[in-house]
PDB file of N, CA and C in Angstrom:
ATOM      1  N   MET A   1       0.851  -1.177   0.000  1.00  0.00           N
ATOM      2  CA  MET A   1       0.000   0.000   0.000  1.00  0.00           C
ATOM      3  C   MET A   1       0.896   1.239   0.000  1.00  0.00           C
ATOM      4  N   GLN A   2       0.538   2.197  -0.788  1.00  0.00           N
ATOM      5  CA  GLN A   2       1.355   3.395  -0.897  1.00  0.00           C
ATOM      6  C   GLN A   2       1.100   4.330   0.290  1.00  0.00           C
ATOM      7  N   THR A   3       2.081   5.152   0.547  1.00  0.00           N
ATOM      8  CA  THR A   3       2.031   6.064   1.687  1.00  0.00           C
ATOM      9  C   THR A   3       0.834   7.003   1.627  1.00  0.00           C
ATOM     10  N   GLU A   4       0.558   7.569   0.462  1.00  0.00           N
ATOM     11  CA  GLU A   4      -0.572   8.503   0.346  1.00  0.00           C
ATOM     12  C   GLU A   4      -1.897   7.808   0.645  1.00  0.00           C
ATOM     13  N   GLN A   5      -2.070   6.622   0.144  1.00  0.00           N
ATOM     14  CA  GLN A   5      -3.308   5.886   0.375  1.00  0.00           C
ATOM     15  C   GLN A   5      -3.463   5.537   1.854  1.00  0.00           C
ATOM     16  N   ARG A   6      -2.391   5.089   2.484  1.00  0.00           N
ATOM     17  CA  ARG A   6      -2.420   4.738   3.897  1.00  0.00           C
ATOM     18  C   ARG A   6      -2.709   5.980   4.741  1.00  0.00           C
ATOM     19  N   SER A   7      -2.067   7.088   4.402  1.00  0.00           N
ATOM     20  CA  SER A   7      -2.304   8.336   5.118  1.00  0.00           C
ATOM     21  C   SER A   7      -3.764   8.769   4.993  1.00  0.00           C
ATOM     22  N   ARG A   8      -4.331   8.617   3.815  1.00  0.00           N
ATOM     23  CA  ARG A   8      -5.736   8.971   3.589  1.00  0.00           C
ATOM     24  C   ARG A   8      -6.641   8.079   4.452  1.00  0.00           C
ATOM     25  N   GLU A   9      -6.335   6.793   4.516  1.00  0.00           N
ATOM     26  CA  GLU A   9      -7.125   5.875   5.337  1.00  0.00           C
ATOM     27  C   GLU A   9      -7.041   6.249   6.813  1.00  0.00           C
ATOM     28  N   TYR A  10      -5.857   6.604   7.275  1.00  0.00           N
ATOM     29  CA  TYR A  10      -5.693   7.027   8.670  1.00  0.00           C
ATOM     30  C   TYR A  10      -6.527   8.285   8.944  1.00  0.00           C
ATOM     31  N   ARG A  11      -6.443   9.267   8.046  1.00  0.00           N
ATOM     32  CA  ARG A  11      -7.200  10.509   8.240  1.00  0.00           C
ATOM     33  C   ARG A  11      -8.700  10.237   8.254  1.00  0.00           C
ATOM     34  N   GLU A  12      -9.166   9.369   7.376  1.00  0.00           N
ATOM     35  CA  GLU A  12     -10.590   9.021   7.345  1.00  0.00           C
ATOM     36  C   GLU A  12     -11.013   8.338   8.643  1.00  0.00           C
ATOM     37  N   PHE A  13     -10.162   7.453   9.149  1.00  0.00           N
ATOM     38  CA  PHE A  13     -10.440   6.790  10.423  1.00  0.00           C
ATOM     39  C   PHE A  13     -10.539   7.812  11.542  1.00  0.00           C
ATOM     40  N   ILE A  14      -9.596   8.740  11.585  1.00  0.00           N
ATOM     41  CA  ILE A  14      -9.576   9.770  12.628  1.00  0.00           C
ATOM     42  C   ILE A  14     -10.805  10.672  12.523  1.00  0.00           C
ATOM     43  N   GLU A  15     -11.149  11.092  11.319  1.00  0.00           N
ATOM     44  CA  GLU A  15     -12.329  11.940  11.115  1.00  0.00           C
ATOM     45  C   GLU A  15     -13.595  11.237  11.595  1.00  0.00           C
ATOM     46  N   GLN A  16     -13.751   9.976  11.220  1.00  0.00           N
ATOM     47  CA  GLN A  16     -14.947   9.218  11.618  1.00  0.00           C
ATOM     48  C   GLN A  16     -15.002   9.075  13.129  1.00  0.00           C
ATOM     49  N   TYR A  17     -13.874   8.783  13.746  1.00  0.00           N
ATOM     50  CA  TYR A  17     -13.839   8.643  15.201  1.00  0.00           C
ATOM     51  C   TYR A  17     -14.259   9.948  15.868  1.00  0.00           C
ATOM     52  N   LEU A  18     -13.714  11.057  15.421  1.00  0.00           N
ATOM     53  CA  LEU A  18     -14.026  12.343  16.034  1.00  0.00           C
ATOM     54  C   LEU A  18     -15.515  12.688  15.865  1.00  0.00           C
ATOM     55  N   LYS A  19     -16.076  12.421  14.701  1.00  0.00           N
ATOM     56  CA  LYS A  19     -17.501  12.698  14.480  1.00  0.00           C
ATOM     57  C   LYS A  19     -18.355  11.862  15.424  1.00  0.00           C
ATOM     58  N   GLU A  20     -18.024  10.594  15.565  1.00  0.00           N
ATOM     59  CA  GLU A  20     -18.780   9.717  16.456  1.00  0.00           C
ATOM     60  C   GLU A  20     -18.611  10.130  17.916  1.00  0.00           C
ATOM     61  N   PHE A  21     -17.406  10.555  18.273  1.00  0.00           N
ATOM     62  CA  PHE A  21     -17.146  10.976  19.646  1.00  0.00           C
ATOM     63  C   PHE A  21     -17.979  12.195  20.001  1.00  0.00           C
ATOM     64  N   TYR A  22     -18.011  13.191  19.132  1.00  0.00           N
ATOM     65  CA  TYR A  22     -18.746  14.414  19.433  1.00  0.00           C
ATOM     66  C   TYR A  22     -20.255  14.237  19.311  1.00  0.00           C
ATOM     67  N   ALA A  23     -20.724  13.211  18.653  1.00  0.00           N
ATOM     68  CA  ALA A  23     -22.159  12.969  18.532  1.00  0.00           C
ATOM     69  C   ALA A  23     -22.805  12.732  19.899  1.00  0.00           C
ATOM     70  N   GLN A  24     -22.060  12.200  20.844  1.00  0.00           N
ATOM     71  CA  GLN A  24     -22.611  11.913  22.166  1.00  0.00           C
ATOM     72  C   GLN A  24     -22.949  13.169  22.956  1.00  0.00           C
ATOM     73  N   PHE A  25     -22.437  14.325  22.540  1.00  0.00           N
ATOM     74  CA  PHE A  25     -22.661  15.566  23.272  1.00  0.00           C
ATOM     75  C   PHE A  25     -23.791  16.419  22.706  1.00  0.00           C
ATOM     76  N   HIS A  26     -24.398  15.997  21.623  1.00  0.00           N
ATOM     77  CA  HIS A  26     -25.391  16.836  20.950  1.00  0.00           C
ATOM     78  C   HIS A  26     -26.652  17.073  21.774  1.00  0.00           C
ATOM     79  N   ASP A  27     -26.960  16.194  22.711  1.00  0.00           N
ATOM     80  CA  ASP A  27     -28.179  16.344  23.502  1.00  0.00           C
ATOM     81  C   ASP A  27     -27.945  16.996  24.865  1.00  0.00           C
ATOM     82  N   LEU A  28     -26.742  17.368  25.170  1.00  0.00           N
ATOM     83  CA  LEU A  28     -26.442  17.976  26.463  1.00  0.00           C
ATOM     84  C   LEU A  28     -26.800  19.462  26.460  1.00  0.00           C
ATOM     85  N   PRO A  29     -27.022  20.023  27.649  1.00  0.00           N
ATOM     86  CA  PRO A  29     -27.355  21.455  27.727  1.00  0.00           C
ATOM     87  C   PRO A  29     -26.253  22.360  27.153  1.00  0.00           C
ATOM     88  N   GLN A  30     -25.014  21.918  27.199  1.00  0.00           N
ATOM     89  CA  GLN A  30     -23.891  22.706  26.685  1.00  0.00           C
ATOM     90  C   GLN A  30     -23.644  22.432  25.208  1.00  0.00           C
ATOM     91  N   ASN A  31     -24.644  21.973  24.487  1.00  0.00           N
ATOM     92  CA  ASN A  31     -24.428  21.541  23.112  1.00  0.00           C
ATOM     93  C   ASN A  31     -23.883  22.650  22.217  1.00  0.00           C
ATOM     94  N   LYS A  32     -24.189  23.911  22.496  1.00  0.00           N
ATOM     95  CA  LYS A  32     -23.637  25.005  21.677  1.00  0.00           C
ATOM     96  C   LYS A  32     -22.118  25.065  21.813  1.00  0.00           C
ATOM     97  N   LEU A  33     -21.627  24.873  23.016  1.00  0.00           N
ATOM     98  CA  LEU A  33     -20.174  24.849  23.238  1.00  0.00           C
ATOM     99  C   LEU A  33     -19.550  23.677  22.482  1.00  0.00           C
ATOM    100  N   PHE A  34     -20.160  22.516  22.581  1.00  0.00           N
ATOM    101  CA  PHE A  34     -19.632  21.343  21.896  1.00  0.00           C
ATOM    102  C   PHE A  34     -19.720  21.491  20.380  1.00  0.00           C
ATOM    103  N   GLU A  35     -20.754  22.142  19.887  1.00  0.00           N
ATOM    104  CA  GLU A  35     -20.853  22.394  18.451  1.00  0.00           C
ATOM    105  C   GLU A  35     -19.701  23.269  17.974  1.00  0.00           C
ATOM    106  N   ALA A  36     -19.366  24.289  18.759  1.00  0.00           N
ATOM    107  CA  ALA A  36     -18.252  25.167  18.397  1.00  0.00           C
ATOM    108  C   ALA A  36     -16.932  24.398  18.419  1.00  0.00           C
ATOM    109  N   MET A  37     -16.757  23.558  19.424  1.00  0.00           N
ATOM    110  CA  MET A  37     -15.532  22.757  19.510  1.00  0.00           C
ATOM    111  C   MET A  37     -15.452  21.789  18.338  1.00  0.00           C
ATOM    112  N   GLU A  38     -16.558  21.153  18.028  1.00  0.00           N
ATOM    113  CA  GLU A  38     -16.609  20.192  16.926  1.00  0.00           C
ATOM    114  C   GLU A  38     -16.311  20.882  15.591  1.00  0.00           C
ATOM    115  N   TYR A  39     -16.882  22.042  15.388  1.00  0.00           N
ATOM    116  CA  TYR A  39     -16.644  22.794  14.150  1.00  0.00           C
ATOM    117  C   TYR A  39     -15.159  23.089  13.973  1.00  0.00           C
ATOM    118  N   SER A  40     -14.539  23.561  15.047  1.00  0.00           N
ATOM    119  CA  SER A  40     -13.113  23.889  14.981  1.00  0.00           C
ATOM    120  C   SER A  40     -12.265  22.644  14.752  1.00  0.00           C
ATOM    121  N   LEU A  41     -12.591  21.577  15.449  1.00  0.00           N
ATOM    122  CA  LEU A  41     -11.803  20.349  15.352  1.00  0.00           C
ATOM    123  C   LEU A  41     -11.948  19.674  13.997  1.00  0.00           C
ATOM    124  N   LEU A  42     -13.160  19.669  13.449  1.00  0.00           N
ATOM    125  CA  LEU A  42     -13.406  18.968  12.192  1.00  0.00           C
ATOM    126  C   LEU A  42     -13.139  19.826  10.962  1.00  0.00           C
ATOM    127  N   ALA A  43     -12.672  21.049  11.159  1.00  0.00           N
ATOM    128  CA  ALA A  43     -12.417  21.943  10.031  1.00  0.00           C
ATOM    129  C   ALA A  43     -11.233  21.487   9.182  1.00  0.00           C
ATOM    130  N   GLY A  44     -10.478  20.535   9.659  1.00  0.00           N
ATOM    131  CA  GLY A  44      -9.326  20.047   8.905  1.00  0.00           C
ATOM    132  C   GLY A  44      -8.028  20.393   9.611  1.00  0.00           C
ATOM    133  N   GLY A  45      -6.944  19.947   9.033  1.00  0.00           N
ATOM    134  CA  GLY A  45      -5.663  20.150   9.697  1.00  0.00           C
ATOM    135  C   GLY A  45      -5.624  19.317  10.971  1.00  0.00           C
ATOM    136  N   LYS A  46      -4.701  19.566  11.808  1.00  0.00           N
ATOM    137  CA  LYS A  46      -4.583  18.906  13.111  1.00  0.00           C
ATOM    138  C   LYS A  46      -4.617  17.383  13.013  1.00  0.00           C
ATOM    139  N   ARG A  47      -4.142  16.830  11.937  1.00  0.00           N
ATOM    140  CA  ARG A  47      -4.177  15.370  11.774  1.00  0.00           C
ATOM    141  C   ARG A  47      -2.784  14.768  11.645  1.00  0.00           C
ATOM    142  N   LEU A  48      -1.777  15.584  11.556  1.00  0.00           N
ATOM    143  CA  LEU A  48      -0.429  15.070  11.336  1.00  0.00           C
ATOM    144  C   LEU A  48       0.045  14.200  12.501  1.00  0.00           C
ATOM    145  N   ARG A  49      -0.127  14.656  13.714  1.00  0.00           N
ATOM    146  CA  ARG A  49       0.349  13.908  14.873  1.00  0.00           C
ATOM    147  C   ARG A  49      -0.299  12.525  14.975  1.00  0.00           C
ATOM    148  N   PRO A  50      -1.643  12.430  14.885  1.00  0.00           N
ATOM    149  CA  PRO A  50      -2.218  11.081  14.962  1.00  0.00           C
ATOM    150  C   PRO A  50      -1.813  10.186  13.789  1.00  0.00           C
ATOM    151  N   VAL A  51      -1.683  10.755  12.601  1.00  0.00           N
ATOM    152  CA  VAL A  51      -1.262   9.965  11.439  1.00  0.00           C
ATOM    153  C   VAL A  51       0.155   9.438  11.648  1.00  0.00           C
ATOM    154  N   LEU A  52       1.041  10.274  12.158  1.00  0.00           N
ATOM    155  CA  LEU A  52       2.420   9.830  12.417  1.00  0.00           C
ATOM    156  C   LEU A  52       2.463   8.745  13.484  1.00  0.00           C
ATOM    157  N   ALA A  53       1.656   8.888  14.529  1.00  0.00           N
ATOM    158  CA  ALA A  53       1.620   7.872  15.585  1.00  0.00           C
ATOM    159  C   ALA A  53       1.119   6.538  15.035  1.00  0.00           C
ATOM    160  N   MET A  54       0.088   6.599  14.208  1.00  0.00           N
ATOM    161  CA  MET A  54      -0.460   5.368  13.628  1.00  0.00           C
ATOM    162  C   MET A  54       0.539   4.712  12.675  1.00  0.00           C
ATOM    163  N   GLU A  55       1.229   5.505  11.882  1.00  0.00           N
ATOM    164  CA  GLU A  55       2.205   4.951  10.935  1.00  0.00           C
ATOM    165  C   GLU A  55       3.408   4.354  11.678  1.00  0.00           C
ATOM    166  N   PHE A  56       3.865   5.014  12.725  1.00  0.00           N
ATOM    167  CA  PHE A  56       4.976   4.472  13.512  1.00  0.00           C
ATOM    168  C   PHE A  56       4.579   3.131  14.126  1.00  0.00           C
ATOM    169  N   CYS A  57       3.350   3.041  14.605  1.00  0.00           N
ATOM    170  CA  CYS A  57       2.875   1.781  15.164  1.00  0.00           C
ATOM    171  C   CYS A  57       2.869   0.687  14.098  1.00  0.00           C
ATOM    172  N   ARG A  58       2.405   1.017  12.895  1.00  0.00           N
ATOM    173  CA  ARG A  58       2.374   0.032  11.805  1.00  0.00           C
ATOM    174  C   ARG A  58       3.774  -0.431  11.458  1.00  0.00           C
ATOM    175  N   ILE A  59       4.704   0.504  11.343  1.00  0.00           N
ATOM    176  CA  ILE A  59       6.092   0.178  10.997  1.00  0.00           C
ATOM    177  C   ILE A  59       6.714  -0.716  12.071  1.00  0.00           C
ATOM    178  N   SER A  60       6.299  -0.498  13.328  1.00  0.00           N
ATOM    179  CA  SER A  60       6.836  -1.279  14.443  1.00  0.00           C
ATOM    180  C   SER A  60       6.161  -2.640  14.600  1.00  0.00           C
ATOM    181  N   GLY A  61       5.172  -2.917  13.739  1.00  0.00           N
ATOM    182  CA  GLY A  61       4.521  -4.226  13.774  1.00  0.00           C
ATOM    183  C   GLY A  61       3.220  -4.257  14.540  1.00  0.00           C
ATOM    184  N   GLY A  62       2.740  -3.103  14.992  1.00  0.00           N
ATOM    185  CA  GLY A  62       1.487  -3.071  15.750  1.00  0.00           C
ATOM    186  C   GLY A  62       0.286  -2.731  14.892  1.00  0.00           C
ATOM    187  N   ASP A  63      -0.842  -2.644  15.536  1.00  0.00           N
ATOM    188  CA  ASP A  63      -2.107  -2.275  14.879  1.00  0.00           C
ATOM    189  C   ASP A  63      -2.235  -0.755  14.911  1.00  0.00           C
ATOM    190  N   PRO A  64      -2.203  -0.088  13.764  1.00  0.00           N
ATOM    191  CA  PRO A  64      -2.267   1.374  13.734  1.00  0.00           C
ATOM    192  C   PRO A  64      -3.505   1.951  14.423  1.00  0.00           C
ATOM    193  N   LYS A  65      -4.645   1.303  14.275  1.00  0.00           N
ATOM    194  CA  LYS A  65      -5.869   1.835  14.882  1.00  0.00           C
ATOM    195  C   LYS A  65      -5.830   1.740  16.401  1.00  0.00           C
ATOM    196  N   ALA A  66      -5.084   0.777  16.929  1.00  0.00           N
ATOM    197  CA  ALA A  66      -4.937   0.662  18.376  1.00  0.00           C
ATOM    198  C   ALA A  66      -4.030   1.768  18.923  1.00  0.00           C
ATOM    199  N   ALA A  67      -3.217   2.362  18.066  1.00  0.00           N
ATOM    200  CA  ALA A  67      -2.283   3.398  18.485  1.00  0.00           C
ATOM    201  C   ALA A  67      -2.873   4.788  18.360  1.00  0.00           C
ATOM    202  N   ALA A  68      -4.077   4.891  17.810  1.00  0.00           N
ATOM    203  CA  ALA A  68      -4.701   6.193  17.634  1.00  0.00           C
ATOM    204  C   ALA A  68      -4.745   6.897  18.986  1.00  0.00           C
ATOM    205  N   PRO A  69      -4.228   8.092  19.061  1.00  0.00           N
ATOM    206  CA  PRO A  69      -4.065   8.783  20.357  1.00  0.00           C
ATOM    207  C   PRO A  69      -5.358   9.377  20.899  1.00  0.00           C
ATOM    208  N   PHE A  70      -6.370   8.585  21.028  1.00  0.00           N
ATOM    209  CA  PHE A  70      -7.603   9.062  21.645  1.00  0.00           C
ATOM    210  C   PHE A  70      -8.304   7.933  22.325  1.00  0.00           C
TER     211      PHE A  70
END
C-alpha cells in the first residue's frame, strides 16, 4: 500500500472517530459549546500527529488503529 493511500485511510479513520465521539454531546445542555468545539476540530488540519503515531505503530509491527491517540 502506498504512503498517500495509507495516510488517507488514517485521516478518514480519525475523522470518523471524532464525528462519532462528538455525537454523544449533541443532547447535552452545553451543546452550543460542543458544536463550536466540533466545528473547529473537524475543520481540517490537526491530523499530522495522529497519522504519524499510527504509521509508527504500523512500521513497528502493531495495529495502527490501536495506536490512535484518543
